[in-house]
Structure formats: C-alpha cells, structure tokens
C-alpha atoms as a PDB file:
ATOM      1  CA  UNK A   1     -30.059 -13.704  63.384  1.00  0.00           C
ATOM      2  CA  UNK A   2     -28.593 -14.407  59.996  1.00  0.00           C
ATOM      3  CA  UNK A   3     -25.369 -12.802  58.936  1.00  0.00           C
ATOM      4  CA  UNK A   4     -25.641 -10.343  56.035  1.00  0.00           C
ATOM      5  CA  UNK A   5     -24.516 -11.911  52.830  1.00  0.00           C
ATOM      6  CA  UNK A   6     -22.047  -9.904  50.784  1.00  0.00           C
ATOM      7  CA  UNK A   7     -23.059  -9.522  47.161  1.00  0.00           C
ATOM      8  CA  UNK A   8     -21.173 -11.824  44.835  1.00  0.00           C
ATOM      9  CA  UNK A   9     -18.699  -9.838  42.785  1.00  0.00           C
ATOM     10  CA  UNK A  10     -18.541 -10.808  39.117  1.00  0.00           C
ATOM     11  CA  UNK A  11     -15.283 -12.392  38.091  1.00  0.00           C
ATOM     12  CA  UNK A  12     -13.074  -9.959  36.207  1.00  0.00           C
ATOM     13  CA  UNK A  13     -13.153 -10.596  32.495  1.00  0.00           C
ATOM     14  CA  UNK A  14     -10.113 -10.988  30.317  1.00  0.00           C
ATOM     15  CA  UNK A  15     -10.414  -8.031  27.916  1.00  0.00           C
ATOM     16  CA  UNK A  16      -8.465  -9.787  25.177  1.00  0.00           C
ATOM     17  CA  UNK A  17     -10.684 -12.872  25.263  1.00  0.00           C
ATOM     18  CA  UNK A  18     -13.787 -10.687  25.524  1.00  0.00           C
ATOM     19  CA  UNK A  19     -12.609  -8.571  22.607  1.00  0.00           C
ATOM     20  CA  UNK A  20     -11.937 -11.586  20.421  1.00  0.00           C
ATOM     21  CA  UNK A  21     -15.358 -13.028  21.260  1.00  0.00           C
ATOM     22  CA  UNK A  22     -17.098  -9.731  20.473  1.00  0.00           C
ATOM     23  CA  UNK A  23     -15.236  -9.484  17.187  1.00  0.00           C
ATOM     24  CA  UNK A  24     -16.351 -12.987  16.213  1.00  0.00           C
ATOM     25  CA  UNK A  25     -20.010 -11.994  16.592  1.00  0.00           C
ATOM     26  CA  UNK A  26     -19.421  -8.594  14.927  1.00  0.00           C
ATOM     27  CA  UNK A  27     -20.204  -6.602  18.070  1.00  0.00           C
ATOM     28  CA  UNK A  28     -17.890  -3.872  16.850  1.00  0.00           C
ATOM     29  CA  UNK A  29     -18.295  -1.318  19.633  1.00  0.00           C
ATOM     30  CA  UNK A  30     -17.775  -3.906  22.345  1.00  0.00           C
ATOM     31  CA  UNK A  31     -14.823  -5.410  20.479  1.00  0.00           C
ATOM     32  CA  UNK A  32     -13.200  -1.994  20.144  1.00  0.00           C
ATOM     33  CA  UNK A  33     -13.681  -1.181  23.839  1.00  0.00           C
ATOM     34  CA  UNK A  34     -12.393  -4.546  25.090  1.00  0.00           C
ATOM     35  CA  UNK A  35      -9.421  -4.719  22.722  1.00  0.00           C
ATOM     36  CA  UNK A  36      -8.523  -1.134  23.571  1.00  0.00           C
ATOM     37  CA  UNK A  37      -8.581  -2.101  27.245  1.00  0.00           C
ATOM     38  CA  UNK A  38      -6.390  -5.114  26.494  1.00  0.00           C
ATOM     39  CA  UNK A  39      -4.038  -2.844  24.570  1.00  0.00           C
ATOM     40  CA  UNK A  40      -3.675  -0.574  27.592  1.00  0.00           C
ATOM     41  CA  UNK A  41      -2.962  -3.532  29.863  1.00  0.00           C
ATOM     42  CA  UNK A  42      -0.248  -5.111  27.722  1.00  0.00           C
ATOM     43  CA  UNK A  43       1.259  -5.516  24.304  1.00  0.00           C
ATOM     44  CA  UNK A  44      -1.125  -6.980  21.738  1.00  0.00           C
ATOM     45  CA  UNK A  45       0.163  -9.349  19.080  1.00  0.00           C
ATOM     46  CA  UNK A  46       0.251  -8.294  15.464  1.00  0.00           C
ATOM     47  CA  UNK A  47      -2.887 -10.333  14.798  1.00  0.00           C
ATOM     48  CA  UNK A  48      -4.767  -8.783  17.723  1.00  0.00           C
ATOM     49  CA  UNK A  49      -3.747  -5.295  16.598  1.00  0.00           C
ATOM     50  CA  UNK A  50      -5.216  -6.086  13.182  1.00  0.00           C
ATOM     51  CA  UNK A  51      -8.419  -7.087  14.971  1.00  0.00           C
ATOM     52  CA  UNK A  52      -8.389  -3.817  16.904  1.00  0.00           C
ATOM     53  CA  UNK A  53      -7.944  -1.882  13.647  1.00  0.00           C
ATOM     54  CA  UNK A  54     -10.908  -3.725  12.113  1.00  0.00           C
ATOM     55  CA  UNK A  55     -13.049  -3.014  15.168  1.00  0.00           C
ATOM     56  CA  UNK A  56     -12.011   0.653  15.047  1.00  0.00           C
ATOM     57  CA  UNK A  57     -13.137   0.917  11.421  1.00  0.00           C
ATOM     58  CA  UNK A  58     -16.569  -0.597  12.015  1.00  0.00           C
ATOM     59  CA  UNK A  59     -17.107   1.160  15.361  1.00  0.00           C
ATOM     60  CA  UNK A  60     -16.833   4.603  13.739  1.00  0.00           C
ATOM     61  CA  UNK A  61     -13.236   5.190  14.822  1.00  0.00           C
ATOM     62  CA  UNK A  62     -11.829   4.931  11.304  1.00  0.00           C
ATOM     63  CA  UNK A  63      -9.355   7.722  12.032  1.00  0.00           C
ATOM     64  CA  UNK A  64      -7.487   5.281  14.306  1.00  0.00           C
ATOM     65  CA  UNK A  65      -7.333   2.393  11.837  1.00  0.00           C
ATOM     66  CA  UNK A  66      -4.148   3.394   9.993  1.00  0.00           C
ATOM     67  CA  UNK A  67      -2.280   4.171  13.200  1.00  0.00           C
ATOM     68  CA  UNK A  68      -3.187   0.777  14.660  1.00  0.00           C
ATOM     69  CA  UNK A  69      -2.284  -1.041  11.431  1.00  0.00           C
ATOM     70  CA  UNK A  70       1.142   0.613  11.477  1.00  0.00           C
ATOM     71  CA  UNK A  71       1.601  -0.784  14.970  1.00  0.00           C
ATOM     72  CA  UNK A  72       0.466  -4.194  13.701  1.00  0.00           C
ATOM     73  CA  UNK A  73       3.133  -4.016  11.005  1.00  0.00           C
ATOM     74  CA  UNK A  74       5.841  -3.408  13.623  1.00  0.00           C
ATOM     75  CA  UNK A  75       4.474  -6.181  15.822  1.00  0.00           C
ATOM     76  CA  UNK A  76       4.541  -8.711  12.979  1.00  0.00           C
ATOM     77  CA  UNK A  77       8.143  -7.788  12.225  1.00  0.00           C
ATOM     78  CA  UNK A  78       9.039  -8.213  15.907  1.00  0.00           C
ATOM     79  CA  UNK A  79       7.377 -11.644  15.776  1.00  0.00           C
ATOM     80  CA  UNK A  80       9.444 -12.429  12.636  1.00  0.00           C
ATOM     81  CA  UNK A  81       6.268 -12.893  10.619  1.00  0.00           C
ATOM     82  CA  UNK A  82       7.440 -11.117   7.479  1.00  0.00           C
ATOM     83  CA  UNK A  83       4.675 -12.555   5.312  1.00  0.00           C
ATOM     84  CA  UNK A  84       1.923 -11.002   7.420  1.00  0.00           C
ATOM     85  CA  UNK A  85       3.951  -7.808   7.821  1.00  0.00           C
ATOM     86  CA  UNK A  86       4.078  -7.587   4.032  1.00  0.00           C
ATOM     87  CA  UNK A  87       0.312  -7.999   3.779  1.00  0.00           C
ATOM     88  CA  UNK A  88      -0.225  -5.242   6.354  1.00  0.00           C
ATOM     89  CA  UNK A  89       2.207  -2.952   4.514  1.00  0.00           C
ATOM     90  CA  UNK A  90       0.319  -3.483   1.256  1.00  0.00           C
ATOM     91  CA  UNK A  91      -2.974  -2.832   3.038  1.00  0.00           C
ATOM     92  CA  UNK A  92      -1.551   0.403   4.428  1.00  0.00           C
ATOM     93  CA  UNK A  93      -0.413   1.391   0.937  1.00  0.00           C
ATOM     94  CA  UNK A  94      -3.990   1.046  -0.268  1.00  0.00           C
ATOM     95  CA  UNK A  95      -5.375   2.995   2.695  1.00  0.00           C
ATOM     96  CA  UNK A  96      -2.960   5.865   2.183  1.00  0.00           C
ATOM     97  CA  UNK A  97      -3.719   5.888  -1.552  1.00  0.00           C
ATOM     98  CA  UNK A  98      -7.440   6.262  -0.906  1.00  0.00           C
ATOM     99  CA  UNK A  99      -6.633   8.932   1.689  1.00  0.00           C
ATOM    100  CA  UNK A 100      -4.993  10.980  -1.069  1.00  0.00           C
ATOM    101  CA  UNK A 101      -1.406  10.476   0.127  1.00  0.00           C
ATOM    102  CA  UNK A 102       0.293   8.768  -2.848  1.00  0.00           C
ATOM    103  CA  UNK A 103       3.883   9.303  -1.671  1.00  0.00           C
ATOM    104  CA  UNK A 104       3.260   7.557   1.649  1.00  0.00           C
ATOM    105  CA  UNK A 105       1.262   4.882  -0.165  1.00  0.00           C
ATOM    106  CA  UNK A 106       4.163   4.244  -2.536  1.00  0.00           C
ATOM    107  CA  UNK A 107       6.599   3.919   0.366  1.00  0.00           C
ATOM    108  CA  UNK A 108       4.420   1.327   2.100  1.00  0.00           C
ATOM    109  CA  UNK A 109       3.964  -0.547  -1.164  1.00  0.00           C
ATOM    110  CA  UNK A 110       7.720  -0.773  -1.695  1.00  0.00           C
ATOM    111  CA  UNK A 111       8.199  -1.903   1.885  1.00  0.00           C
ATOM    112  CA  UNK A 112       5.632  -4.668   1.431  1.00  0.00           C
ATOM    113  CA  UNK A 113       7.196  -5.774  -1.854  1.00  0.00           C
ATOM    114  CA  UNK A 114      10.704  -5.943  -0.363  1.00  0.00           C
ATOM    115  CA  UNK A 115       9.502  -8.245   2.396  1.00  0.00           C
ATOM    116  CA  UNK A 116       8.333 -10.722  -0.245  1.00  0.00           C
ATOM    117  CA  UNK A 117      11.631 -10.866  -2.128  1.00  0.00           C
ATOM    118  CA  UNK A 118      12.914 -14.424  -2.353  1.00  0.00           C
ATOM    119  CA  UNK A 119       9.857 -15.897  -0.674  1.00  0.00           C
ATOM    120  CA  UNK A 120       7.614 -18.584  -2.226  1.00  0.00           C
ATOM    121  CA  UNK A 121       4.288 -17.512  -3.686  1.00  0.00           C
ATOM    122  CA  UNK A 122       1.619 -16.660  -1.124  1.00  0.00           C
ATOM    123  CA  UNK A 123      -1.607 -14.702  -0.765  1.00  0.00           C
ATOM    124  CA  UNK A 124       0.519 -11.612  -0.087  1.00  0.00           C
ATOM    125  CA  UNK A 125       1.928 -11.862  -3.628  1.00  0.00           C
ATOM    126  CA  UNK A 126      -1.667 -11.735  -4.843  1.00  0.00           C
ATOM    127  CA  UNK A 127      -2.311  -8.525  -2.935  1.00  0.00           C
ATOM    128  CA  UNK A 128       0.907  -7.120  -4.380  1.00  0.00           C
ATOM    129  CA  UNK A 129      -0.251  -7.931  -7.927  1.00  0.00           C
ATOM    130  CA  UNK A 130      -3.658  -6.420  -7.136  1.00  0.00           C
ATOM    131  CA  UNK A 131      -2.124  -3.194  -5.870  1.00  0.00           C
ATOM    132  CA  UNK A 132       0.085  -2.918  -8.939  1.00  0.00           C
ATOM    133  CA  UNK A 133      -2.927  -3.553 -11.160  1.00  0.00           C
ATOM    134  CA  UNK A 134      -4.877  -0.719  -9.541  1.00  0.00           C
ATOM    135  CA  UNK A 135      -1.873   1.590  -9.874  1.00  0.00           C
ATOM    136  CA  UNK A 136      -1.402   0.684 -13.549  1.00  0.00           C
ATOM    137  CA  UNK A 137      -5.078   1.359 -14.151  1.00  0.00           C
ATOM    138  CA  UNK A 138      -4.930   4.844 -12.658  1.00  0.00           C
ATOM    139  CA  UNK A 139      -1.870   5.526 -14.841  1.00  0.00           C
ATOM    140  CA  UNK A 140      -3.827   4.548 -17.963  1.00  0.00           C
ATOM    141  CA  UNK A 141      -1.859   1.357 -18.636  1.00  0.00           C
ATOM    142  CA  UNK A 142      -4.893  -0.900 -19.032  1.00  0.00           C
ATOM    143  CA  UNK A 143      -3.073  -3.844 -20.639  1.00  0.00           C
ATOM    144  CA  UNK A 144      -0.647  -4.086 -17.732  1.00  0.00           C
ATOM    145  CA  UNK A 145      -3.506  -3.610 -15.277  1.00  0.00           C
ATOM    146  CA  UNK A 146      -5.427  -6.490 -16.865  1.00  0.00           C
ATOM    147  CA  UNK A 147      -2.412  -8.807 -16.791  1.00  0.00           C
ATOM    148  CA  UNK A 148      -1.727  -8.053 -13.129  1.00  0.00           C
ATOM    149  CA  UNK A 149      -5.394  -8.470 -12.192  1.00  0.00           C
ATOM    150  CA  UNK A 150      -5.460 -11.866 -13.882  1.00  0.00           C
ATOM    151  CA  UNK A 151      -2.290 -12.782 -12.004  1.00  0.00           C
ATOM    152  CA  UNK A 152      -3.964 -11.801  -8.717  1.00  0.00           C
ATOM    153  CA  UNK A 153      -6.989 -13.989  -9.541  1.00  0.00           C
ATOM    154  CA  UNK A 154      -4.721 -16.948 -10.296  1.00  0.00           C
ATOM    155  CA  UNK A 155      -2.737 -16.529  -7.083  1.00  0.00           C
ATOM    156  CA  UNK A 156      -5.963 -16.233  -5.073  1.00  0.00           C
ATOM    157  CA  UNK A 157      -7.160 -19.530  -6.515  1.00  0.00           C
ATOM    158  CA  UNK A 158      -3.925 -21.313  -5.663  1.00  0.00           C
ATOM    159  CA  UNK A 159      -3.794 -19.791  -2.180  1.00  0.00           C
ATOM    160  CA  UNK A 160      -7.520 -20.466  -1.564  1.00  0.00           C
ATOM    161  CA  UNK A 161      -7.877 -16.934  -0.198  1.00  0.00           C
ATOM    162  CA  UNK A 162     -11.512 -15.877  -0.555  1.00  0.00           C
ATOM    163  CA  UNK A 163     -11.083 -12.161   0.215  1.00  0.00           C
ATOM    164  CA  UNK A 164      -8.227 -11.813  -2.246  1.00  0.00           C
ATOM    165  CA  UNK A 165     -10.191 -13.652  -4.910  1.00  0.00           C
ATOM    166  CA  UNK A 166     -13.176 -11.343  -4.465  1.00  0.00           C
ATOM    167  CA  UNK A 167     -11.031  -8.218  -4.643  1.00  0.00           C
ATOM    168  CA  UNK A 168      -9.163  -9.533  -7.682  1.00  0.00           C
ATOM    169  CA  UNK A 169     -12.314 -10.643  -9.504  1.00  0.00           C
ATOM    170  CA  UNK A 170     -14.028  -7.291  -9.014  1.00  0.00           C
ATOM    171  CA  UNK A 171     -10.917  -5.428 -10.132  1.00  0.00           C
ATOM    172  CA  UNK A 172     -10.556  -7.608 -13.225  1.00  0.00           C
ATOM    173  CA  UNK A 173     -14.281  -7.272 -13.906  1.00  0.00           C
ATOM    174  CA  UNK A 174     -14.131  -3.475 -13.767  1.00  0.00           C
ATOM    175  CA  UNK A 175     -11.167  -3.436 -16.122  1.00  0.00           C
ATOM    176  CA  UNK A 176     -12.865  -5.708 -18.628  1.00  0.00           C
ATOM    177  CA  UNK A 177     -15.995  -3.570 -18.573  1.00  0.00           C
ATOM    178  CA  UNK A 178     -13.841  -0.475 -19.134  1.00  0.00           C
ATOM    179  CA  UNK A 179     -12.358  -2.089 -22.253  1.00  0.00           C
ATOM    180  CA  UNK A 180     -15.767  -3.000 -23.644  1.00  0.00           C
ATOM    181  CA  UNK A 181     -15.902  -6.660 -22.556  1.00  0.00           C
ATOM    182  CA  UNK A 182     -19.038  -5.982 -20.549  1.00  0.00           C
ATOM    183  CA  UNK A 183     -20.432  -9.529 -20.463  1.00  0.00           C
ATOM    184  CA  UNK A 184     -17.151 -11.059 -19.287  1.00  0.00           C
ATOM    185  CA  UNK A 185     -16.653  -8.265 -16.762  1.00  0.00           C
ATOM    186  CA  UNK A 186     -20.104  -8.597 -15.230  1.00  0.00           C
ATOM    187  CA  UNK A 187     -19.698 -12.370 -14.990  1.00  0.00           C
ATOM    188  CA  UNK A 188     -16.512 -11.912 -12.947  1.00  0.00           C
ATOM    189  CA  UNK A 189     -18.171  -9.403 -10.648  1.00  0.00           C
ATOM    190  CA  UNK A 190     -21.196 -11.667 -10.179  1.00  0.00           C
ATOM    191  CA  UNK A 191     -18.862 -14.498  -9.177  1.00  0.00           C
ATOM    192  CA  UNK A 192     -17.306 -12.293  -6.514  1.00  0.00           C
ATOM    193  CA  UNK A 193     -20.724 -11.092  -5.328  1.00  0.00           C
ATOM    194  CA  UNK A 194     -21.927 -14.667  -4.777  1.00  0.00           C
ATOM    195  CA  UNK A 195     -19.094 -15.152  -2.287  1.00  0.00           C
ATOM    196  CA  UNK A 196     -20.158 -11.964  -0.530  1.00  0.00           C
ATOM    197  CA  UNK A 197     -23.839 -12.844  -0.161  1.00  0.00           C
ATOM    198  CA  UNK A 198     -23.009 -16.428   0.850  1.00  0.00           C
ATOM    199  CA  UNK A 199     -20.955 -15.222   3.812  1.00  0.00           C
ATOM    200  CA  UNK A 200     -17.639 -16.525   2.485  1.00  0.00           C
ATOM    201  CA  UNK A 201     -15.826 -13.201   2.940  1.00  0.00           C
ATOM    202  CA  UNK A 202     -14.697 -11.042   5.827  1.00  0.00           C
ATOM    203  CA  UNK A 203     -17.044  -8.166   6.760  1.00  0.00           C
ATOM    204  CA  UNK A 204     -14.898  -5.540   5.021  1.00  0.00           C
ATOM    205  CA  UNK A 205     -14.454  -7.613   1.855  1.00  0.00           C
ATOM    206  CA  UNK A 206     -18.195  -8.319   1.814  1.00  0.00           C
ATOM    207  CA  UNK A 207     -19.053  -4.630   1.943  1.00  0.00           C
ATOM    208  CA  UNK A 208     -16.394  -3.610  -0.555  1.00  0.00           C
ATOM    209  CA  UNK A 209     -17.451  -6.308  -3.034  1.00  0.00           C
ATOM    210  CA  UNK A 210     -21.135  -5.422  -2.872  1.00  0.00           C
ATOM    211  CA  UNK A 211     -20.450  -1.694  -3.136  1.00  0.00           C
ATOM    212  CA  UNK A 212     -18.182  -2.192  -6.147  1.00  0.00           C
ATOM    213  CA  UNK A 213     -20.803  -4.345  -7.863  1.00  0.00           C
ATOM    214  CA  UNK A 214     -23.503  -1.740  -7.279  1.00  0.00           C
ATOM    215  CA  UNK A 215     -21.274   1.133  -8.394  1.00  0.00           C
ATOM    216  CA  UNK A 216     -20.229  -0.690 -11.556  1.00  0.00           C
END
C-alpha cells in the first residue's frame, strides 16, 4: 500500500521582490498589495516607498500617496540621499498645491530647495525651476515663468531626464501659447507628446503629458 503523499506547499514569496516585479509590469493592484505586505514586515527603503506610493496612486488608493511619499522623504534623509529627498520634497510641494493646500506646499518647496543649496546641478534643480515657473505663472508673472520653464528644459537636457523634460516642455509650451506664440508652444508640446507615445516616460509622466496636450 502506498503512503499518502503530502501536497507540495508553494515556497513563500518575498513580498518586496514580488512587489517590484509587479510594478515593473504595471500590475498596480498586485504591486500595492505586495509592497504593503513588505512594508508591514520591515522597513522599506526610500526608493521602495516611492514605488509603494506610485502603486497606491494607480491602484485607486491615491489618498495614501502623500503619506507614503512623506515617509519616503524621511527614509531618503536617513539614507543620507539628500538629492532624492529634495526631489521627493518638491514632488510633495506640487501634490499639496494641487490639493489646495498652498501653505503646506510652500513649506515642502522650501525644504526641497534648502537641500539643494551648495550642490552641483542635477535633475532635482530642474524640478525646482519647474515648480517656481508654475508658481510664477499662477501669480501672473509670465516673463519669470517663461525664463524658469526654459531653465528647466535646459537642465533636463543636460541631466538626460526624460520625465523632467516632458514636464518642462509642456509647461513652456502652455506658457508660450498663453502669450500668443501658439505655433512655438504647440511644437514644444508635440515634442513632449512623442516621448509619451513612444514609451520613453514613466506611467505618471505619460498620462500627465497626454492629458496636458489634450487639454491645451
């Protein structure tokens, strides 16, 4: 008589590895669940917390995104990665601005700018210029907004940062259209849109670029 064979138990999966893999194939719900499980089991790095925030946004948990990004900021500081911490702070400034909380947005913007003081030019400086351009635009200072947008485009080119370049090009394009330079403005926005449809951008930058082009 044969002995009963116990069913083979599947090997436990590493939630962090599984979450990263799901994120890479844009399986947002799975990525959110696995990275959340990894977060419960141990401290995630600043980079992994950014991934969790991205997954939260696309998995219809957008209300958690800011909270997770604030944790990512603290994690980057703990890892002594001030450049990335600055980028996250500037991203939070933008999120709070769009959430209608300008005072908190301003505080995060200043925090991000301070972290860049004395540091060589980087993609984060481009995001700083972009944020200042958007702020100048809302204040009605179009000339300053244009100059800062052009600065962001130049920094993006030197840093070879595709997302930043798309954001900067669309911002500069909108500003030029607003001042009557419609042909030049549309050309800039078309350049950014090509990067989006060719898959050169992150998922969020792709969506934002296409939406801005359509809205404009």
